Amino acid sequence: MRIENLPLFPLRVVLFPGMMLPLHIFEDRYRQMIDDCLVEDPRFGVALITEGNEVGGSAKVREVGTIARIINVGKYPGGELDIMCVGMQRFRILDFNSDKKYLRASVETFADAPHSSAELDDRVRAVRALLRQYLDRRGAAGEMSPELPDEPEALSFVPGVLDLPLEQKQRLIETDSTAERLDQIVYLLQHELGLMDQLGPTRPVLGYRRISPN
């Protein structure tokens, strides 16, 4: 764990460690934020909005979010930006400050409590098998299939590929137990597969990239 002061981007997105996040930046305050990040530190916090809007005005956010690291930037002549980010560590917000046009927060990063391999091996096998069924049923196997990590904690963040309600995703990143998160994913995947039996695979598979969140 460590405490840092980071720019904060309130979004209607739950960012997972390892998940790719493309953003189009057009609002002045966030253009300034990204410019500052590119000069000082290519990271900012992403937190789910609970009240307010992404554009204009202020917004209230959930206490737990994820650090995003900028890995690619495209600039337009008018000053707008396209950026690609990847999720890194999760954090808890300790305090806010507004010394700039955009929101900043003092955050404490955190990781899962340690587990023995014996506690996780069966869960990992179950999640991998269900994910393969899910992707096969969605026609997302083969070249378009995400690479499934072997490491249990990284595997437990793969729900970035699922079209789940934001509240369910938020609960997953707030969970500080790999075993508990894997159990939640087994339940969610079984539910998704049951829906496919009834409705067919109509919902999109979202982007995920395997990357170390360190």
C-alpha atoms as a PDB file:
ATOM      1  CA  MET A   1       0.000   0.000   0.000  1.00  0.00           C
ATOM      2  CA  ARG A   2       1.085   3.560  -0.631  1.00  0.00           C
ATOM      3  CA  ILE A   3      -0.519   6.978  -0.560  1.00  0.00           C
ATOM      4  CA  GLU A   4      -0.358   9.214  -3.624  1.00  0.00           C
ATOM      5  CA  ASN A   5      -1.956  12.386  -4.904  1.00  0.00           C
ATOM      6  CA  LEU A   6      -3.424  11.833  -8.363  1.00  0.00           C
ATOM      7  CA  PRO A   7      -5.673  13.587 -10.877  1.00  0.00           C
ATOM      8  CA  LEU A   8      -9.122  12.016 -10.779  1.00  0.00           C
ATOM      9  CA  PHE A   9     -11.342  11.366 -13.798  1.00  0.00           C
ATOM     10  CA  PRO A  10     -14.989  10.645 -12.821  1.00  0.00           C
ATOM     11  CA  LEU A  11     -16.504   8.344 -15.462  1.00  0.00           C
ATOM     12  CA  ARG A  12     -19.454   6.030 -15.970  1.00  0.00           C
ATOM     13  CA  VAL A  13     -16.928   3.225 -16.345  1.00  0.00           C
ATOM     14  CA  VAL A  14     -15.482   0.686 -13.932  1.00  0.00           C
ATOM     15  CA  LEU A  15     -11.846   0.197 -14.882  1.00  0.00           C
ATOM     16  CA  PHE A  16     -10.227  -3.129 -13.966  1.00  0.00           C
ATOM     17  CA  PRO A  17      -6.499  -3.735 -13.587  1.00  0.00           C
ATOM     18  CA  GLY A  18      -5.286  -4.946 -16.989  1.00  0.00           C
ATOM     19  CA  MET A  19      -8.242  -3.490 -18.906  1.00  0.00           C
ATOM     20  CA  MET A  20      -7.721  -1.177 -21.871  1.00  0.00           C
ATOM     21  CA  LEU A  21      -9.569   2.152 -21.749  1.00  0.00           C
ATOM     22  CA  PRO A  22      -9.788   4.382 -24.853  1.00  0.00           C
ATOM     23  CA  LEU A  23     -10.929   7.948 -24.166  1.00  0.00           C
ATOM     24  CA  HIS A  24     -11.671  10.968 -26.328  1.00  0.00           C
ATOM     25  CA  ILE A  25     -10.723  14.103 -24.388  1.00  0.00           C
ATOM     26  CA  PHE A  26     -12.439  17.323 -25.418  1.00  0.00           C
ATOM     27  CA  GLU A  27     -13.412  19.227 -22.261  1.00  0.00           C
ATOM     28  CA  ASP A  28     -10.886  21.960 -21.345  1.00  0.00           C
ATOM     29  CA  ARG A  29     -10.253  20.819 -17.774  1.00  0.00           C
ATOM     30  CA  TYR A  30      -9.514  17.251 -18.824  1.00  0.00           C
ATOM     31  CA  ARG A  31      -7.360  18.371 -21.737  1.00  0.00           C
ATOM     32  CA  GLN A  32      -5.361  20.290 -19.127  1.00  0.00           C
ATOM     33  CA  MET A  33      -5.299  17.222 -16.880  1.00  0.00           C
ATOM     34  CA  ILE A  34      -3.917  14.980 -19.615  1.00  0.00           C
ATOM     35  CA  ASP A  35      -1.351  17.629 -20.638  1.00  0.00           C
ATOM     36  CA  ASP A  36      -0.202  17.789 -16.992  1.00  0.00           C
ATOM     37  CA  CYS A  37      -0.054  13.977 -16.802  1.00  0.00           C
ATOM     38  CA  LEU A  38       2.103  13.792 -19.921  1.00  0.00           C
ATOM     39  CA  VAL A  39       4.561  16.258 -18.382  1.00  0.00           C
ATOM     40  CA  GLU A  40       4.547  15.052 -14.754  1.00  0.00           C
ATOM     41  CA  ASP A  41       3.266  11.465 -14.475  1.00  0.00           C
ATOM     42  CA  PRO A  42       1.268   9.500 -17.100  1.00  0.00           C
ATOM     43  CA  ARG A  43      -1.243   8.222 -14.538  1.00  0.00           C
ATOM     44  CA  PHE A  44      -4.608   9.334 -13.230  1.00  0.00           C
ATOM     45  CA  GLY A  45      -7.392   7.769 -11.202  1.00  0.00           C
ATOM     46  CA  VAL A  46     -10.657   6.537 -12.695  1.00  0.00           C
ATOM     47  CA  ALA A  47     -13.656   6.391 -10.363  1.00  0.00           C
ATOM     48  CA  LEU A  48     -17.280   5.485 -11.055  1.00  0.00           C
ATOM     49  CA  ILE A  49     -19.721   8.394 -10.949  1.00  0.00           C
ATOM     50  CA  THR A  50     -22.564   8.034  -8.453  1.00  0.00           C
ATOM     51  CA  GLU A  51     -24.072  11.487  -8.965  1.00  0.00           C
ATOM     52  CA  GLY A  52     -23.525  14.144 -11.634  1.00  0.00           C
ATOM     53  CA  ASN A  53     -22.237  13.979 -15.201  1.00  0.00           C
ATOM     54  CA  GLU A  54     -18.994  13.184 -16.995  1.00  0.00           C
ATOM     55  CA  VAL A  55     -19.110  16.486 -18.877  1.00  0.00           C
ATOM     56  CA  GLY A  56     -19.550  19.865 -17.198  1.00  0.00           C
ATOM     57  CA  GLY A  57     -20.058  20.570 -13.516  1.00  0.00           C
ATOM     58  CA  SER A  58     -19.006  18.376 -10.622  1.00  0.00           C
ATOM     59  CA  ALA A  59     -19.611  14.708  -9.924  1.00  0.00           C
ATOM     60  CA  LYS A  60     -19.629  12.452  -6.871  1.00  0.00           C
ATOM     61  CA  VAL A  61     -17.748   9.176  -7.190  1.00  0.00           C
ATOM     62  CA  ARG A  62     -17.325   5.810  -5.486  1.00  0.00           C
ATOM     63  CA  GLU A  63     -14.577   5.492  -2.923  1.00  0.00           C
ATOM     64  CA  VAL A  64     -12.736   2.691  -4.782  1.00  0.00           C
ATOM     65  CA  GLY A  65     -11.308   3.163  -8.269  1.00  0.00           C
ATOM     66  CA  THR A  66      -8.368   2.133 -10.433  1.00  0.00           C
ATOM     67  CA  ILE A  67      -5.252   3.951 -11.601  1.00  0.00           C
ATOM     68  CA  ALA A  68      -5.054   4.372 -15.384  1.00  0.00           C
ATOM     69  CA  ARG A  69      -1.684   4.702 -17.124  1.00  0.00           C
ATOM     70  CA  ILE A  70      -1.578   6.513 -20.475  1.00  0.00           C
ATOM     71  CA  ILE A  71       0.155   4.368 -23.081  1.00  0.00           C
ATOM     72  CA  ASN A  72      -0.719   6.187 -26.316  1.00  0.00           C
ATOM     73  CA  VAL A  73      -1.851   9.701 -27.278  1.00  0.00           C
ATOM     74  CA  GLY A  74      -3.207  11.179 -30.486  1.00  0.00           C
ATOM     75  CA  LYS A  75      -3.684  14.950 -30.772  1.00  0.00           C
ATOM     76  CA  TYR A  76      -6.067  16.858 -33.036  1.00  0.00           C
ATOM     77  CA  PRO A  77      -5.333  20.349 -34.436  1.00  0.00           C
ATOM     78  CA  GLY A  78      -8.060  21.885 -32.258  1.00  0.00           C
ATOM     79  CA  GLY A  79      -6.536  20.494 -29.067  1.00  0.00           C
ATOM     80  CA  GLU A  80      -8.771  17.467 -28.546  1.00  0.00           C
ATOM     81  CA  LEU A  81      -7.073  14.185 -27.687  1.00  0.00           C
ATOM     82  CA  ASP A  82      -7.533  10.465 -28.177  1.00  0.00           C
ATOM     83  CA  ILE A  83      -5.752   8.495 -25.487  1.00  0.00           C
ATOM     84  CA  MET A  84      -5.369   4.798 -24.740  1.00  0.00           C
ATOM     85  CA  CYS A  85      -4.905   3.792 -21.120  1.00  0.00           C
ATOM     86  CA  VAL A  86      -4.477   0.575 -19.201  1.00  0.00           C
ATOM     87  CA  GLY A  87      -5.758  -0.141 -15.690  1.00  0.00           C
ATOM     88  CA  MET A  88      -3.131  -0.609 -13.008  1.00  0.00           C
ATOM     89  CA  GLN A  89      -3.563  -0.723  -9.194  1.00  0.00           C
ATOM     90  CA  ARG A  90      -6.825  -0.205  -7.354  1.00  0.00           C
ATOM     91  CA  PHE A  91      -7.122   2.577  -4.803  1.00  0.00           C
ATOM     92  CA  ARG A  92      -9.322   3.962  -2.052  1.00  0.00           C
ATOM     93  CA  ILE A  93      -9.947   7.697  -1.980  1.00  0.00           C
ATOM     94  CA  LEU A  94      -8.837   9.326   1.264  1.00  0.00           C
ATOM     95  CA  ASP A  95      -9.501  12.990   0.488  1.00  0.00           C
ATOM     96  CA  PHE A  96     -10.182  15.388  -2.376  1.00  0.00           C
ATOM     97  CA  ASN A  97      -8.558  18.652  -3.338  1.00  0.00           C
ATOM     98  CA  SER A  98      -9.409  21.148  -6.034  1.00  0.00           C
ATOM     99  CA  ASP A  99      -6.238  23.174  -6.422  1.00  0.00           C
ATOM    100  CA  LYS A 100      -6.553  22.866 -10.220  1.00  0.00           C
ATOM    101  CA  LYS A 101      -9.362  23.077 -12.783  1.00  0.00           C
ATOM    102  CA  TYR A 102      -9.827  19.330 -12.482  1.00  0.00           C
ATOM    103  CA  LEU A 103     -10.350  17.133  -9.443  1.00  0.00           C
ATOM    104  CA  ARG A 104      -7.424  15.615  -7.583  1.00  0.00           C
ATOM    105  CA  ALA A 105      -7.492  13.110  -4.743  1.00  0.00           C
ATOM    106  CA  SER A 106      -5.234  11.633  -2.124  1.00  0.00           C
ATOM    107  CA  VAL A 107      -5.514   7.872  -2.641  1.00  0.00           C
ATOM    108  CA  GLU A 108      -4.190   4.730  -1.008  1.00  0.00           C
ATOM    109  CA  THR A 109      -3.484   1.788  -3.307  1.00  0.00           C
ATOM    110  CA  PHE A 110      -4.354  -1.701  -2.108  1.00  0.00           C
ATOM    111  CA  ALA A 111      -4.066  -5.321  -3.189  1.00  0.00           C
ATOM    112  CA  ASP A 112      -5.757  -8.562  -2.274  1.00  0.00           C
ATOM    113  CA  ALA A 113      -4.987 -10.444   0.908  1.00  0.00           C
ATOM    114  CA  PRO A 114      -2.670 -13.423   0.255  1.00  0.00           C
ATOM    115  CA  HIS A 115      -4.116 -16.887  -0.387  1.00  0.00           C
ATOM    116  CA  SER A 116      -2.525 -20.307  -0.636  1.00  0.00           C
ATOM    117  CA  SER A 117      -2.514 -22.003  -4.045  1.00  0.00           C
ATOM    118  CA  ALA A 118      -4.672 -24.773  -2.567  1.00  0.00           C
ATOM    119  CA  GLU A 119      -7.427 -22.201  -1.897  1.00  0.00           C
ATOM    120  CA  LEU A 120      -7.325 -20.916  -5.461  1.00  0.00           C
ATOM    121  CA  ASP A 121      -6.502 -23.799  -7.828  1.00  0.00           C
ATOM    122  CA  ASP A 122     -10.037 -25.212  -8.127  1.00  0.00           C
ATOM    123  CA  ARG A 123     -11.513 -21.718  -8.446  1.00  0.00           C
ATOM    124  CA  VAL A 124      -9.066 -20.820 -11.223  1.00  0.00           C
ATOM    125  CA  ARG A 125      -9.920 -23.984 -13.171  1.00  0.00           C
ATOM    126  CA  ALA A 126     -13.636 -23.286 -12.808  1.00  0.00           C
ATOM    127  CA  VAL A 127     -13.333 -19.661 -13.971  1.00  0.00           C
ATOM    128  CA  ARG A 128     -11.122 -20.537 -16.946  1.00  0.00           C
ATOM    129  CA  ALA A 129     -13.501 -23.284 -18.067  1.00  0.00           C
ATOM    130  CA  LEU A 130     -16.558 -21.032 -17.748  1.00  0.00           C
ATOM    131  CA  LEU A 131     -14.827 -18.153 -19.534  1.00  0.00           C
ATOM    132  CA  ARG A 132     -13.936 -20.443 -22.437  1.00  0.00           C
ATOM    133  CA  GLN A 133     -17.545 -21.599 -22.652  1.00  0.00           C
ATOM    134  CA  TYR A 134     -18.707 -17.991 -22.535  1.00  0.00           C
ATOM    135  CA  LEU A 135     -16.300 -16.852 -25.266  1.00  0.00           C
ATOM    136  CA  ASP A 136     -17.004 -19.892 -27.453  1.00  0.00           C
ATOM    137  CA  ARG A 137     -20.730 -19.278 -27.162  1.00  0.00           C
ATOM    138  CA  ARG A 138     -20.203 -15.641 -28.082  1.00  0.00           C
ATOM    139  CA  GLY A 139     -18.108 -16.578 -31.129  1.00  0.00           C
ATOM    140  CA  ALA A 140     -15.158 -14.733 -29.565  1.00  0.00           C
ATOM    141  CA  ALA A 141     -12.731 -17.661 -29.476  1.00  0.00           C
ATOM    142  CA  GLY A 142      -9.654 -17.847 -31.677  1.00  0.00           C
ATOM    143  CA  GLU A 143      -7.801 -14.712 -32.765  1.00  0.00           C
ATOM    144  CA  MET A 144     -10.267 -12.337 -31.060  1.00  0.00           C
ATOM    145  CA  SER A 145     -10.280 -14.226 -27.761  1.00  0.00           C
ATOM    146  CA  PRO A 146      -8.578 -12.428 -24.849  1.00  0.00           C
ATOM    147  CA  GLU A 147      -5.524 -14.091 -23.374  1.00  0.00           C
ATOM    148  CA  LEU A 148      -6.565 -15.561 -20.056  1.00  0.00           C
ATOM    149  CA  PRO A 149      -3.931 -15.031 -17.357  1.00  0.00           C
ATOM    150  CA  ASP A 150      -2.656 -17.981 -15.337  1.00  0.00           C
ATOM    151  CA  GLU A 151      -2.125 -15.900 -12.199  1.00  0.00           C
ATOM    152  CA  PRO A 152      -5.295 -16.033 -10.041  1.00  0.00           C
ATOM    153  CA  GLU A 153      -5.546 -12.342  -9.164  1.00  0.00           C
ATOM    154  CA  ALA A 154      -5.073 -11.267 -12.785  1.00  0.00           C
ATOM    155  CA  LEU A 155      -7.643 -13.854 -13.910  1.00  0.00           C
ATOM    156  CA  SER A 156     -10.120 -12.470 -11.395  1.00  0.00           C
ATOM    157  CA  PHE A 157      -9.988  -9.103 -13.173  1.00  0.00           C
ATOM    158  CA  VAL A 158     -10.989 -10.504 -16.581  1.00  0.00           C
ATOM    159  CA  PRO A 159     -14.667  -9.475 -16.141  1.00  0.00           C
ATOM    160  CA  GLY A 160     -13.638  -6.488 -18.235  1.00  0.00           C
ATOM    161  CA  VAL A 161     -14.718  -8.746 -21.145  1.00  0.00           C
ATOM    162  CA  LEU A 162     -18.237  -9.088 -19.764  1.00  0.00           C
ATOM    163  CA  ASP A 163     -21.155  -6.738 -20.328  1.00  0.00           C
ATOM    164  CA  LEU A 164     -22.199  -6.556 -16.687  1.00  0.00           C
ATOM    165  CA  PRO A 165     -24.084  -3.845 -14.775  1.00  0.00           C
ATOM    166  CA  LEU A 166     -21.718  -1.209 -13.403  1.00  0.00           C
ATOM    167  CA  GLU A 167     -22.694  -1.979  -9.806  1.00  0.00           C
ATOM    168  CA  GLN A 168     -21.644  -5.614 -10.224  1.00  0.00           C
ATOM    169  CA  LYS A 169     -18.327  -4.550 -11.726  1.00  0.00           C
ATOM    170  CA  GLN A 170     -17.797  -2.057  -8.929  1.00  0.00           C
ATOM    171  CA  ARG A 171     -18.367  -4.748  -6.306  1.00  0.00           C
ATOM    172  CA  LEU A 172     -15.706  -6.877  -7.976  1.00  0.00           C
ATOM    173  CA  ILE A 173     -13.000  -4.207  -7.840  1.00  0.00           C
ATOM    174  CA  GLU A 174     -13.937  -3.357  -4.254  1.00  0.00           C
ATOM    175  CA  THR A 175     -13.459  -6.984  -3.174  1.00  0.00           C
ATOM    176  CA  ASP A 176     -10.016  -7.444  -1.588  1.00  0.00           C
ATOM    177  CA  SER A 177     -10.036 -11.259  -1.723  1.00  0.00           C
ATOM    178  CA  THR A 178      -9.022 -13.096  -4.897  1.00  0.00           C
ATOM    179  CA  ALA A 179     -10.883 -16.209  -3.760  1.00  0.00           C
ATOM    180  CA  GLU A 180     -14.098 -14.280  -3.095  1.00  0.00           C
ATOM    181  CA  ARG A 181     -13.849 -12.458  -6.430  1.00  0.00           C
ATOM    182  CA  LEU A 182     -13.331 -15.747  -8.313  1.00  0.00           C
ATOM    183  CA  ASP A 183     -16.406 -17.159  -6.556  1.00  0.00           C
ATOM    184  CA  GLN A 184     -18.405 -14.108  -7.648  1.00  0.00           C
ATOM    185  CA  ILE A 185     -17.198 -14.571 -11.231  1.00  0.00           C
ATOM    186  CA  VAL A 186     -18.259 -18.248 -11.268  1.00  0.00           C
ATOM    187  CA  TYR A 187     -21.753 -17.164 -10.234  1.00  0.00           C
ATOM    188  CA  LEU A 188     -21.849 -14.323 -12.793  1.00  0.00           C
ATOM    189  CA  LEU A 189     -20.611 -16.531 -15.654  1.00  0.00           C
ATOM    190  CA  GLN A 190     -23.108 -19.253 -14.834  1.00  0.00           C
ATOM    191  CA  HIS A 191     -25.817 -16.565 -14.884  1.00  0.00           C
ATOM    192  CA  GLU A 192     -24.564 -15.193 -18.239  1.00  0.00           C
ATOM    193  CA  LEU A 193     -24.493 -18.677 -19.775  1.00  0.00           C
ATOM    194  CA  GLY A 194     -28.026 -19.269 -18.531  1.00  0.00           C
ATOM    195  CA  LEU A 195     -29.154 -16.039 -20.219  1.00  0.00           C
ATOM    196  CA  MET A 196     -27.492 -17.171 -23.449  1.00  0.00           C
ATOM    197  CA  ASP A 197     -29.537 -20.377 -23.310  1.00  0.00           C
ATOM    198  CA  GLN A 198     -32.657 -18.234 -23.207  1.00  0.00           C
ATOM    199  CA  LEU A 199     -31.768 -15.205 -25.345  1.00  0.00           C
ATOM    200  CA  GLY A 200     -28.678 -16.090 -27.390  1.00  0.00           C
ATOM    201  CA  PRO A 201     -25.263 -14.351 -27.319  1.00  0.00           C
ATOM    202  CA  THR A 202     -26.425 -10.827 -28.140  1.00  0.00           C
ATOM    203  CA  ARG A 203     -24.219  -8.681 -25.919  1.00  0.00           C
ATOM    204  CA  PRO A 204     -20.705  -7.441 -26.782  1.00  0.00           C
ATOM    205  CA  VAL A 205     -17.378  -8.746 -25.527  1.00  0.00           C
ATOM    206  CA  LEU A 206     -15.353  -5.781 -24.336  1.00  0.00           C
ATOM    207  CA  GLY A 207     -11.606  -5.199 -24.605  1.00  0.00           C
ATOM    208  CA  TYR A 208      -9.104  -6.665 -22.162  1.00  0.00           C
ATOM    209  CA  ARG A 209      -5.343  -6.837 -22.264  1.00  0.00           C
ATOM    210  CA  ARG A 210      -3.196  -8.970 -20.040  1.00  0.00           C
ATOM    211  CA  ILE A 211      -0.700  -6.727 -18.249  1.00  0.00           C
ATOM    212  CA  SER A 212       0.909  -6.666 -14.839  1.00  0.00           C
ATOM    213  CA  PRO A 213      -0.737  -4.076 -12.543  1.00  0.00           C
ATOM    214  CA  ASN A 214       2.600  -3.196 -10.909  1.00  0.00           C
END
